[in-house]
Amino acid sequence: MDKSPKKALRQQAASETMGSKLTSPLIASRPGAPAPNLLRRLWRALKPSVATTSQTGHGAALDTEKRLSLMLESVPVNLWSTDAELNITFSQGAGLHLIGLESNEQVGLTLYEILETRDPGFTPLAAHLRALQGELVRYETDWRGRFFETRVEPLRGPDGRISGTVGIAIDITERKSLYDELHTRNVYFATLFESAPQAIAILDEKDRITRVNGEFTRLFGYAADESVGNNINDLIVPPELAEEGANLTAKVAAGGKVRVESIRKRKDGATVWVSISATPISVRQESDRVFAMYHDISAIKRAEEEMKKLLLVDELTGLPNRRAFITLSEQALKLAMRMYKDVLLIFIDVDHLKHVNDTWGHLEGDHALIDTARVLHETCREADIVARLGGDEFVALLTIDSDQTADLICSRIKTRVDEHNLKSQRPFQLSLSVGATRARAEGAQLVELLAQADAALYDQKRSRGRARTHALSR
């Protein structure tokens, strides 16, 4: 073998080029597998020049080699061939420049010299040895910091016998880097998906669940294998909200986004308030999907209800407070007007409440207010509005018929108070002053009704005061 300085330098460069870095395992052995378009084009261009020129002539072969060289120098591939003893007979391609080599720089060297090994288990050498046995072999290799997808197959002569090997390596460094980046992102987003504080479900185009995260299982009680394949509406939408659920999924299927608050059911049958956010997602070459998130807002809803109670309900008696009475009464007046009914507004005052507080304590005073609320609630109908305005003042708004008078209703209240006092174990007798006014609902103003009932109340108190004075003077 020629040991000239030029060849020694080539041999040293080749050794540095491939060395022990070609250690990737064989990816597959798929004889007869179709090559990518680029490989097929290069194969067709290569074979006439490296195999035979008997049919096409010397000039045609030279023309083919020229076209092949132009093609190879324009794409990031390495193309080479060997004879049956694995001597390199051809080496060209723009991919060589990426690893610091020139075209045909390794021609004349053996594959053993380039790889610096005769180990038949070494991947690149094993691939060529198998190709000499008639196999097509594929593998990936890391070559001087670049990644190549490699294919080696038998090279046959005109008689069909194997005369060597031909190989091609396509530079996939950028593609692999992109794949690695995508893989990293997939892992990152998969972690976010699983650890998200919201329940997440991914749906297919038929609203069937394809994937759920751990929070979905915690919130609704369904494990992944119990969820996947089921229609989301059948699984977690209560029967009474089936139409709402169908409308929401239809809206998203049409390309819209959904942000609503609603009730959904758990596996155990319990319901939970959730904030729903759903958006369509489209993945290339896949059917449309839906990304749905559910956030448990039950605690918020409970807090809102408590807040409403604090704003509209008297904490001591449980009756509507002044704010609620005004709102409810305005609606009641409108309803009575449509029904051509009269309304009766009754103003009630707890007598001697200060005396009760001063004599028996504020706890007994609270009992007096609670007892008053109970008496009024038992006297009035469910549709009537009874409220505590504040302090010792109560009010009731009733829709009445023509035969129901203010005196009749006030008499009922007095009767209930008397019945209460007969049964009560309180250290005091409950006493109420009552004033009432009746009016047509049409044109009635709540403020005027309150003022008239209040005036009637104090007229009654003054009358009772005069009667008491007259009785004491006799």
Protein backbone atom coordinates (compact mmCIF):
# COMPACT_ATOMS: atom_id res chain seq x y z
CA MET A 1 0.00 0.00 0.00
CA ASP A 2 1.23 3.50 -0.84
CA LYS A 3 2.64 5.18 2.28
CA SER A 4 3.44 8.57 0.64
CA PRO A 5 3.26 11.73 2.82
CA LYS A 6 0.15 12.87 0.96
CA LYS A 7 -1.61 9.61 1.63
CA ALA A 8 -0.47 9.61 5.26
CA LEU A 9 -1.96 13.06 5.72
CA ARG A 10 -5.23 11.87 4.17
CA GLN A 11 -5.17 8.84 6.42
CA GLN A 12 -4.62 11.03 9.50
CA ALA A 13 -7.45 13.37 8.51
CA ALA A 14 -9.78 10.45 7.91
CA SER A 15 -8.87 8.93 11.25
CA GLU A 16 -9.68 12.22 13.00
CA THR A 17 -12.91 12.48 11.04
CA MET A 18 -14.64 9.24 11.99
CA GLY A 19 -12.60 7.72 14.82
CA SER A 20 -14.54 6.23 17.68
CA LYS A 21 -17.46 8.62 17.36
CA LEU A 22 -19.35 6.27 15.10
CA THR A 23 -20.81 4.34 17.97
CA SER A 24 -24.55 4.69 17.41
CA PRO A 25 -26.38 1.36 17.24
CA LEU A 26 -27.99 0.11 14.07
CA ILE A 27 -31.39 1.69 13.81
CA ALA A 28 -32.96 -0.89 11.49
CA SER A 29 -32.26 -3.44 8.83
CA ARG A 30 -35.00 -3.11 6.24
CA PRO A 31 -33.92 -4.71 2.93
CA GLY A 32 -35.86 -3.36 0.03
CA ALA A 33 -37.25 -0.38 1.95
CA PRO A 34 -37.94 2.60 -0.32
CA ALA A 35 -35.38 5.40 -0.08
CA PRO A 36 -36.40 9.05 0.24
CA ASN A 37 -36.65 11.02 -3.01
CA LEU A 38 -33.19 12.49 -2.60
CA LEU A 39 -31.63 9.04 -2.08
CA ARG A 40 -33.38 7.62 -5.13
CA ARG A 41 -32.15 10.48 -7.31
CA LEU A 42 -28.56 10.05 -6.10
CA TRP A 43 -28.72 6.27 -6.50
CA ARG A 44 -29.92 6.56 -10.09
CA ALA A 45 -27.18 9.09 -10.83
CA LEU A 46 -24.45 7.07 -9.11
CA LYS A 47 -25.00 3.52 -10.35
CA PRO A 48 -24.12 3.96 -14.03
CA SER A 49 -20.81 5.61 -13.14
CA VAL A 50 -19.60 3.22 -10.42
CA ALA A 51 -20.96 -0.02 -11.83
CA THR A 52 -20.54 -0.07 -15.59
CA THR A 53 -20.29 2.05 -18.72
CA SER A 54 -20.70 -0.73 -21.24
CA GLN A 55 -24.26 0.19 -22.20
CA THR A 56 -24.11 3.97 -22.10
CA GLY A 57 -20.60 4.65 -23.30
CA HIS A 58 -17.72 6.52 -21.79
CA GLY A 59 -19.06 9.97 -22.70
CA ALA A 60 -22.43 9.32 -21.11
CA ALA A 61 -20.73 8.12 -17.93
CA LEU A 62 -18.65 11.29 -17.74
CA ASP A 63 -21.77 13.39 -18.23
CA THR A 64 -23.52 11.44 -15.49
CA GLU A 65 -20.58 11.95 -13.13
CA LYS A 66 -20.60 15.67 -13.83
CA ARG A 67 -24.30 15.95 -13.09
CA LEU A 68 -23.83 13.82 -10.01
CA SER A 69 -21.00 16.05 -8.76
CA LEU A 70 -23.11 19.20 -9.19
CA MET A 71 -25.98 17.58 -7.36
CA LEU A 72 -23.84 16.30 -4.51
CA GLU A 73 -22.13 19.62 -4.01
CA SER A 74 -25.48 21.34 -3.59
CA VAL A 75 -27.02 19.17 -0.83
CA PRO A 76 -25.75 18.29 2.67
CA VAL A 77 -25.02 14.62 1.99
CA ASN A 78 -22.00 12.36 1.85
CA LEU A 79 -22.03 9.69 -0.87
CA TRP A 80 -19.35 6.99 -1.11
CA SER A 81 -18.71 3.57 -2.52
CA THR A 82 -16.30 0.74 -1.76
CA ASP A 83 -15.12 -2.34 -3.54
CA ALA A 84 -15.53 -5.85 -2.16
CA GLU A 85 -12.41 -5.37 0.05
CA LEU A 86 -13.92 -2.16 1.48
CA ASN A 87 -11.48 0.14 -0.27
CA ILE A 88 -13.04 3.60 -0.76
CA THR A 89 -13.58 4.12 -4.51
CA PHE A 90 -15.75 7.24 -4.44
CA SER A 91 -16.40 9.98 -1.82
CA GLN A 92 -18.25 13.19 -2.57
CA GLY A 93 -20.93 15.55 -1.22
CA ALA A 94 -21.44 18.93 0.41
CA GLY A 95 -21.84 17.13 3.71
CA LEU A 96 -18.10 16.40 3.69
CA HIS A 97 -17.36 20.12 3.90
CA LEU A 98 -19.44 20.36 7.09
CA ILE A 99 -16.97 18.00 8.81
CA GLY A 100 -13.82 19.50 7.29
CA LEU A 101 -13.16 17.06 4.42
CA GLU A 102 -12.82 17.47 0.65
CA SER A 103 -14.46 15.42 -2.06
CA ASN A 104 -12.62 12.12 -2.78
CA GLU A 105 -10.10 12.91 -0.04
CA GLN A 106 -10.59 9.43 1.38
CA VAL A 107 -10.44 7.56 -1.93
CA GLY A 108 -7.75 4.88 -1.80
CA LEU A 109 -8.07 4.34 1.94
CA THR A 110 -9.73 1.25 3.34
CA LEU A 111 -12.73 1.49 5.60
CA TYR A 112 -10.64 -0.24 8.26
CA GLU A 113 -8.08 2.57 8.09
CA ILE A 114 -10.73 5.28 8.25
CA LEU A 115 -12.52 3.65 11.17
CA GLU A 116 -9.28 2.50 12.82
CA THR A 117 -10.81 -0.83 13.74
CA ARG A 118 -11.54 -4.29 12.37
CA ASP A 119 -14.16 -5.02 15.02
CA PRO A 120 -17.11 -6.50 13.06
CA GLY A 121 -19.47 -5.33 15.79
CA PHE A 122 -18.57 -1.66 15.30
CA THR A 123 -21.70 -0.11 13.78
CA PRO A 124 -20.39 1.51 10.54
CA LEU A 125 -18.14 -1.48 9.77
CA ALA A 126 -20.92 -3.94 10.61
CA ALA A 127 -23.24 -2.08 8.23
CA HIS A 128 -20.80 -2.43 5.29
CA LEU A 129 -20.09 -6.09 6.06
CA ARG A 130 -23.81 -6.81 6.06
CA ALA A 131 -24.21 -4.88 2.81
CA LEU A 132 -21.58 -7.16 1.24
CA GLN A 133 -23.93 -10.00 2.26
CA GLY A 134 -26.81 -8.40 0.38
CA GLU A 135 -28.56 -6.44 3.14
CA LEU A 136 -29.70 -2.83 3.17
CA VAL A 137 -28.77 -1.25 6.51
CA ARG A 138 -29.74 2.05 8.11
CA TYR A 139 -28.30 3.73 11.19
CA GLU A 140 -27.65 7.15 12.68
CA THR A 141 -24.18 8.37 13.55
CA ASP A 142 -22.53 11.29 15.28
CA TRP A 143 -19.65 12.35 13.02
CA ARG A 144 -17.45 15.22 14.21
CA GLY A 145 -20.31 16.88 16.04
CA ARG A 146 -22.74 16.49 13.12
CA PHE A 147 -25.56 13.97 13.02
CA PHE A 148 -26.06 11.87 9.89
CA GLU A 149 -28.79 9.45 8.89
CA THR A 150 -26.86 6.73 7.04
CA ARG A 151 -27.87 4.06 4.53
CA VAL A 152 -25.56 1.37 3.18
CA GLU A 153 -26.56 -1.19 0.54
CA PRO A 154 -24.88 -3.69 -1.83
CA LEU A 155 -23.35 -2.46 -5.08
CA ARG A 156 -23.86 -5.02 -7.86
CA GLY A 157 -22.09 -5.47 -11.16
CA PRO A 158 -23.69 -6.17 -14.56
CA ASP A 159 -23.87 -9.87 -13.72
CA GLY A 160 -25.85 -9.13 -10.53
CA ARG A 161 -23.04 -10.16 -8.24
CA ILE A 162 -22.11 -7.93 -5.29
CA SER A 163 -18.99 -6.00 -6.19
CA GLY A 164 -18.89 -3.61 -3.25
CA THR A 165 -21.04 -1.25 -1.22
CA VAL A 166 -22.54 2.17 -1.68
CA GLY A 167 -23.49 4.46 1.18
CA ILE A 168 -25.13 7.81 1.70
CA ALA A 169 -25.24 9.94 4.83
CA ILE A 170 -27.71 12.82 5.07
CA ASP A 171 -26.89 15.59 7.53
CA ILE A 172 -29.79 15.73 10.01
CA THR A 173 -28.13 17.93 12.62
CA GLU A 174 -30.66 20.75 12.35
CA ARG A 175 -33.54 18.32 12.16
CA LYS A 176 -32.28 16.44 15.20
CA SER A 177 -31.76 19.69 17.09
CA LEU A 178 -35.32 20.68 16.22
CA TYR A 179 -36.56 17.25 17.28
CA ASP A 180 -34.68 17.48 20.57
CA GLU A 181 -36.10 20.96 21.15
CA LEU A 182 -39.60 19.77 20.36
CA HIS A 183 -39.10 16.78 22.63
CA THR A 184 -37.98 19.09 25.43
CA ARG A 185 -41.01 21.29 24.86
CA ASN A 186 -43.29 18.27 24.81
CA VAL A 187 -41.89 17.13 28.15
CA TYR A 188 -42.23 20.66 29.51
CA PHE A 189 -45.83 21.05 28.38
CA ALA A 190 -46.70 17.51 29.46
CA THR A 191 -45.46 18.41 32.94
CA LEU A 192 -47.46 21.64 32.91
CA PHE A 193 -50.54 19.73 31.70
CA GLU A 194 -50.31 17.16 34.46
CA SER A 195 -49.46 19.58 37.27
CA ALA A 196 -51.87 22.37 36.24
CA PRO A 197 -54.13 23.59 39.09
CA GLN A 198 -57.12 23.45 36.70
CA ALA A 199 -58.88 20.29 35.58
CA ILE A 200 -58.08 19.81 31.89
CA ALA A 201 -59.69 17.57 29.29
CA ILE A 202 -58.76 17.29 25.62
CA LEU A 203 -61.66 16.33 23.37
CA ASP A 204 -61.83 15.00 19.83
CA GLU A 205 -64.12 16.30 17.09
CA LYS A 206 -67.01 14.27 18.54
CA ASP A 207 -66.59 15.71 22.06
CA ARG A 208 -65.09 12.45 23.31
CA ILE A 209 -62.34 12.73 25.92
CA THR A 210 -58.90 11.77 24.66
CA ARG A 211 -56.85 12.87 27.66
CA VAL A 212 -57.33 14.27 31.18
CA ASN A 213 -54.91 15.46 33.84
CA GLY A 214 -54.65 14.64 37.52
CA GLU A 215 -56.71 17.63 38.64
CA PHE A 216 -59.60 16.44 36.44
CA THR A 217 -59.54 13.15 38.32
CA ARG A 218 -59.40 14.94 41.69
CA LEU A 219 -62.23 17.35 40.84
CA PHE A 220 -64.66 15.00 39.13
CA GLY A 221 -63.58 11.64 40.56
CA TYR A 222 -63.02 9.90 37.22
CA ALA A 223 -59.64 8.24 36.58
CA ALA A 224 -58.07 8.56 33.13
CA ASP A 225 -59.23 5.11 31.99
CA GLU A 226 -62.78 5.95 33.13
CA SER A 227 -62.77 9.25 31.25
CA VAL A 228 -61.09 8.55 27.92
CA GLY A 229 -63.54 7.62 25.18
CA ASN A 230 -66.59 9.09 26.95
CA ASN A 231 -68.51 12.12 25.71
CA ILE A 232 -67.70 15.02 28.03
CA ASN A 233 -71.36 16.04 28.29
CA ASP A 234 -72.50 12.54 29.22
CA LEU A 235 -69.79 12.29 31.86
CA ILE A 236 -69.97 15.53 33.85
CA VAL A 237 -72.99 17.60 32.71
CA PRO A 238 -76.09 17.24 34.97
CA PRO A 239 -79.20 16.03 33.08
CA GLU A 240 -81.02 19.32 33.71
CA LEU A 241 -78.15 21.21 32.02
CA ALA A 242 -77.81 18.83 29.04
CA GLU A 243 -79.01 21.48 26.57
CA GLU A 244 -76.55 24.03 27.95
CA GLY A 245 -73.68 21.53 27.64
CA ALA A 246 -74.60 20.67 24.05
CA ASN A 247 -74.79 24.37 23.12
CA LEU A 248 -71.35 25.05 24.62
CA THR A 249 -69.63 22.17 22.79
CA ALA A 250 -71.39 23.14 19.55
CA LYS A 251 -70.10 26.70 19.90
CA VAL A 252 -66.50 25.51 20.34
CA ALA A 253 -66.88 23.04 17.44
CA ALA A 254 -67.88 26.01 15.26
CA GLY A 255 -64.59 27.73 16.14
CA GLY A 256 -65.75 29.86 19.05
CA LYS A 257 -64.24 30.21 22.50
CA VAL A 258 -66.22 29.63 25.68
CA ARG A 259 -65.86 31.25 29.10
CA VAL A 260 -68.78 30.55 31.42
CA GLU A 261 -69.63 29.61 35.00
CA SER A 262 -71.89 26.62 35.49
CA ILE A 263 -72.57 23.49 37.53
CA ARG A 264 -71.07 20.11 36.69
CA LYS A 265 -71.51 16.73 38.37
CA ARG A 266 -68.96 14.50 39.98
CA LYS A 267 -68.72 10.72 39.79
CA ASP A 268 -70.37 10.42 43.22
CA GLY A 269 -73.37 12.44 42.01
CA ALA A 270 -72.50 15.63 43.89
CA THR A 271 -72.44 18.87 41.94
CA VAL A 272 -69.73 21.50 41.86
CA TRP A 273 -69.61 25.06 40.57
CA VAL A 274 -66.89 25.46 37.92
CA SER A 275 -65.50 28.16 35.69
CA ILE A 276 -65.27 26.67 32.18
CA SER A 277 -62.82 27.81 29.54
CA ALA A 278 -62.78 25.95 26.23
CA THR A 279 -61.04 26.68 22.95
CA PRO A 280 -60.63 24.77 19.67
CA ILE A 281 -57.16 23.58 18.70
CA SER A 282 -56.10 22.33 15.29
CA VAL A 283 -53.10 20.09 14.72
CA ARG A 284 -51.85 19.51 11.19
CA GLN A 285 -52.99 16.21 9.68
CA GLU A 286 -55.19 15.54 12.72
CA SER A 287 -58.87 16.12 13.38
CA ASP A 288 -59.85 19.25 15.26
CA ARG A 289 -59.55 19.03 19.04
CA VAL A 290 -60.95 20.98 21.98
CA PHE A 291 -58.93 22.08 24.99
CA ALA A 292 -61.26 22.48 27.99
CA MET A 293 -60.34 23.70 31.47
CA TYR A 294 -62.47 23.54 34.60
CA HIS A 295 -61.68 25.57 37.71
CA ASP A 296 -63.48 24.79 40.96
CA ILE A 297 -65.23 27.98 42.14
CA SER A 298 -67.52 26.38 44.72
CA ALA A 299 -65.83 28.26 47.57
CA ILE A 300 -66.24 31.54 45.70
CA LYS A 301 -69.93 30.83 45.07
CA ARG A 302 -70.48 30.00 48.73
CA ALA A 303 -68.77 33.24 49.71
CA GLU A 304 -70.96 35.16 47.23
CA GLU A 305 -74.10 33.62 48.72
CA GLU A 306 -72.94 34.51 52.20
CA MET A 307 -72.21 38.03 51.03
CA LYS A 308 -75.66 38.31 49.50
CA LYS A 309 -77.18 37.18 52.76
CA LEU A 310 -75.15 39.74 54.66
CA LEU A 311 -76.28 42.45 52.27
CA LEU A 312 -79.96 41.45 52.02
CA VAL A 313 -80.81 39.50 55.18
CA ASP A 314 -81.09 40.73 58.76
CA GLU A 315 -78.61 38.58 60.64
CA LEU A 316 -80.58 38.46 63.91
CA THR A 317 -84.11 37.66 62.67
CA GLY A 318 -83.39 36.09 59.26
CA LEU A 319 -85.88 38.48 57.65
CA PRO A 320 -85.01 40.63 54.61
CA ASN A 321 -83.32 43.87 55.63
CA ARG A 322 -84.17 47.41 54.48
CA ARG A 323 -82.18 47.06 51.23
CA ALA A 324 -83.90 43.79 50.33
CA PHE A 325 -87.36 45.13 51.30
CA ILE A 326 -87.07 48.08 48.94
CA THR A 327 -86.01 45.83 46.04
CA LEU A 328 -88.66 43.17 46.71
CA SER A 329 -91.44 45.70 47.31
CA GLU A 330 -90.85 47.49 44.02
CA GLN A 331 -91.31 44.18 42.20
CA ALA A 332 -94.40 43.36 44.33
CA LEU A 333 -96.03 46.71 43.45
CA LYS A 334 -95.53 46.06 39.74
CA LEU A 335 -97.06 42.59 40.07
CA ALA A 336 -100.07 43.90 42.06
CA MET A 337 -100.63 46.60 39.46
CA ARG A 338 -100.78 44.01 36.65
CA MET A 339 -103.24 41.97 38.73
CA TYR A 340 -105.37 45.06 39.59
CA LYS A 341 -104.88 44.40 43.30
CA ASP A 342 -104.65 46.72 46.28
CA VAL A 343 -101.64 46.75 48.57
CA LEU A 344 -101.47 47.08 52.33
CA LEU A 345 -98.35 48.42 54.02
CA ILE A 346 -98.06 47.74 57.74
CA PHE A 347 -95.52 49.44 59.98
CA ILE A 348 -94.75 47.59 63.23
CA ASP A 349 -92.84 48.86 66.23
CA VAL A 350 -91.74 46.78 69.26
CA ASP A 351 -92.99 48.56 72.37
CA HIS A 352 -90.72 49.19 75.35
CA LEU A 353 -87.66 47.54 73.78
CA LYS A 354 -85.32 49.91 75.61
CA HIS A 355 -86.99 48.98 78.90
CA VAL A 356 -86.50 45.28 78.13
CA ASN A 357 -82.82 45.86 77.34
CA ASP A 358 -82.25 47.95 80.46
CA THR A 359 -84.16 45.59 82.77
CA TRP A 360 -83.35 42.10 81.55
CA GLY A 361 -80.36 42.70 79.26
CA HIS A 362 -79.79 42.95 75.54
CA LEU A 363 -80.08 39.18 75.05
CA GLU A 364 -83.74 39.37 76.10
CA GLY A 365 -84.11 42.40 73.85
CA ASP A 366 -82.84 40.25 70.95
CA HIS A 367 -85.40 37.60 71.95
CA ALA A 368 -88.14 40.24 71.68
CA LEU A 369 -87.05 41.08 68.14
CA ILE A 370 -86.82 37.39 67.16
CA ASP A 371 -90.29 36.72 68.63
CA THR A 372 -91.70 39.66 66.67
CA ALA A 373 -90.27 38.31 63.43
CA ARG A 374 -91.84 34.90 64.18
CA VAL A 375 -95.27 36.42 64.93
CA LEU A 376 -95.24 38.44 61.71
CA HIS A 377 -94.04 35.47 59.66
CA GLU A 378 -96.87 33.28 61.07
CA THR A 379 -99.49 35.99 60.49
CA CYS A 380 -98.60 36.84 56.90
CA ARG A 381 -98.72 34.61 53.83
CA GLU A 382 -95.64 33.23 52.10
CA ALA A 383 -96.09 35.65 49.21
CA ASP A 384 -96.19 38.65 51.55
CA ILE A 385 -92.99 40.61 52.18
CA VAL A 386 -91.99 40.97 55.83
CA ALA A 387 -88.76 42.74 56.74
CA ARG A 388 -86.87 44.34 59.58
CA LEU A 389 -85.98 47.92 58.76
CA GLY A 390 -83.64 48.26 61.73
CA GLY A 391 -83.75 48.72 65.49
CA ASP A 392 -87.26 47.97 66.75
CA GLU A 393 -88.97 48.70 63.39
CA PHE A 394 -90.56 46.06 61.16
CA VAL A 395 -92.62 46.38 58.00
CA ALA A 396 -94.90 44.15 55.90
CA LEU A 397 -96.23 44.63 52.38
CA LEU A 398 -99.30 42.57 51.42
CA THR A 399 -101.28 42.25 48.23
CA ILE A 400 -104.93 42.09 49.30
CA ASP A 401 -108.41 41.54 47.95
CA SER A 402 -111.32 43.92 48.45
CA ASP A 403 -112.63 42.12 51.55
CA GLN A 404 -109.30 42.31 53.37
CA THR A 405 -108.98 45.52 55.38
CA ALA A 406 -106.18 47.08 57.37
CA ASP A 407 -108.13 46.58 60.60
CA LEU A 408 -108.56 42.87 59.81
CA ILE A 409 -104.85 42.28 59.23
CA CYS A 410 -103.79 44.32 62.24
CA SER A 411 -106.28 42.39 64.35
CA ARG A 412 -104.67 39.12 63.24
CA ILE A 413 -101.26 40.42 64.34
CA LYS A 414 -102.65 41.35 67.77
CA THR A 415 -104.21 37.90 68.12
CA ARG A 416 -100.90 36.22 67.28
CA VAL A 417 -99.12 38.39 69.86
CA ASP A 418 -101.64 37.42 72.53
CA GLU A 419 -101.23 33.73 71.68
CA HIS A 420 -97.45 34.11 71.88
CA ASN A 421 -97.58 35.74 75.31
CA LEU A 422 -99.76 32.92 76.66
CA LYS A 423 -97.16 30.34 75.66
CA SER A 424 -94.01 32.38 76.21
CA GLN A 425 -91.67 31.86 79.15
CA ARG A 426 -90.13 35.30 78.69
CA PRO A 427 -89.85 37.59 81.74
CA PHE A 428 -91.76 40.24 79.74
CA GLN A 429 -94.90 40.54 77.64
CA LEU A 430 -94.39 41.19 73.91
CA SER A 431 -96.20 44.34 72.80
CA LEU A 432 -96.40 45.75 69.27
CA SER A 433 -97.67 49.04 67.87
CA VAL A 434 -99.08 48.70 64.38
CA GLY A 435 -99.90 51.30 61.72
CA ALA A 436 -101.27 50.46 58.28
CA THR A 437 -102.22 52.13 55.02
CA ARG A 438 -104.12 50.70 52.04
CA ALA A 439 -103.76 51.92 48.46
CA ARG A 440 -104.29 50.99 44.86
CA ALA A 441 -101.12 49.43 43.47
CA GLU A 442 -101.33 51.51 40.32
CA GLY A 443 -99.54 54.76 40.92
CA ALA A 444 -98.48 53.82 44.47
CA GLN A 445 -95.06 54.96 45.61
CA LEU A 446 -93.25 52.94 48.25
CA VAL A 447 -91.84 56.01 49.97
CA GLU A 448 -95.32 57.53 50.33
CA LEU A 449 -96.75 54.25 51.63
CA LEU A 450 -94.01 54.01 54.26
CA ALA A 451 -94.63 57.58 55.37
CA GLN A 452 -98.41 57.01 55.63
CA ALA A 453 -98.01 53.75 57.57
CA ASP A 454 -95.50 55.38 59.91
CA ALA A 455 -97.90 58.23 60.58
CA ALA A 456 -100.71 55.74 61.29
CA LEU A 457 -98.38 53.91 63.72
CA TYR A 458 -97.68 57.03 65.74
CA ASP A 459 -101.34 58.01 65.68
CA GLN A 460 -102.06 54.64 67.31
CA LYS A 461 -99.29 55.18 69.87
CA ARG A 462 -100.64 58.62 70.75
CA SER A 463 -104.15 57.22 71.03
CA ARG A 464 -102.94 54.44 73.30
CA GLY A 465 -101.02 57.00 75.37
CA ARG A 466 -104.11 59.20 75.77
CA ALA A 467 -106.23 56.21 76.70
CA ARG A 468 -103.72 55.16 79.32
CA THR A 469 -103.58 58.70 80.77
CA HIS A 470 -107.38 58.84 80.86
CA ALA A 471 -107.54 55.51 82.68
CA LEU A 472 -104.99 56.60 85.28
CA SER A 473 -106.85 59.87 85.98
CA ARG A 474 -110.14 58.15 86.75
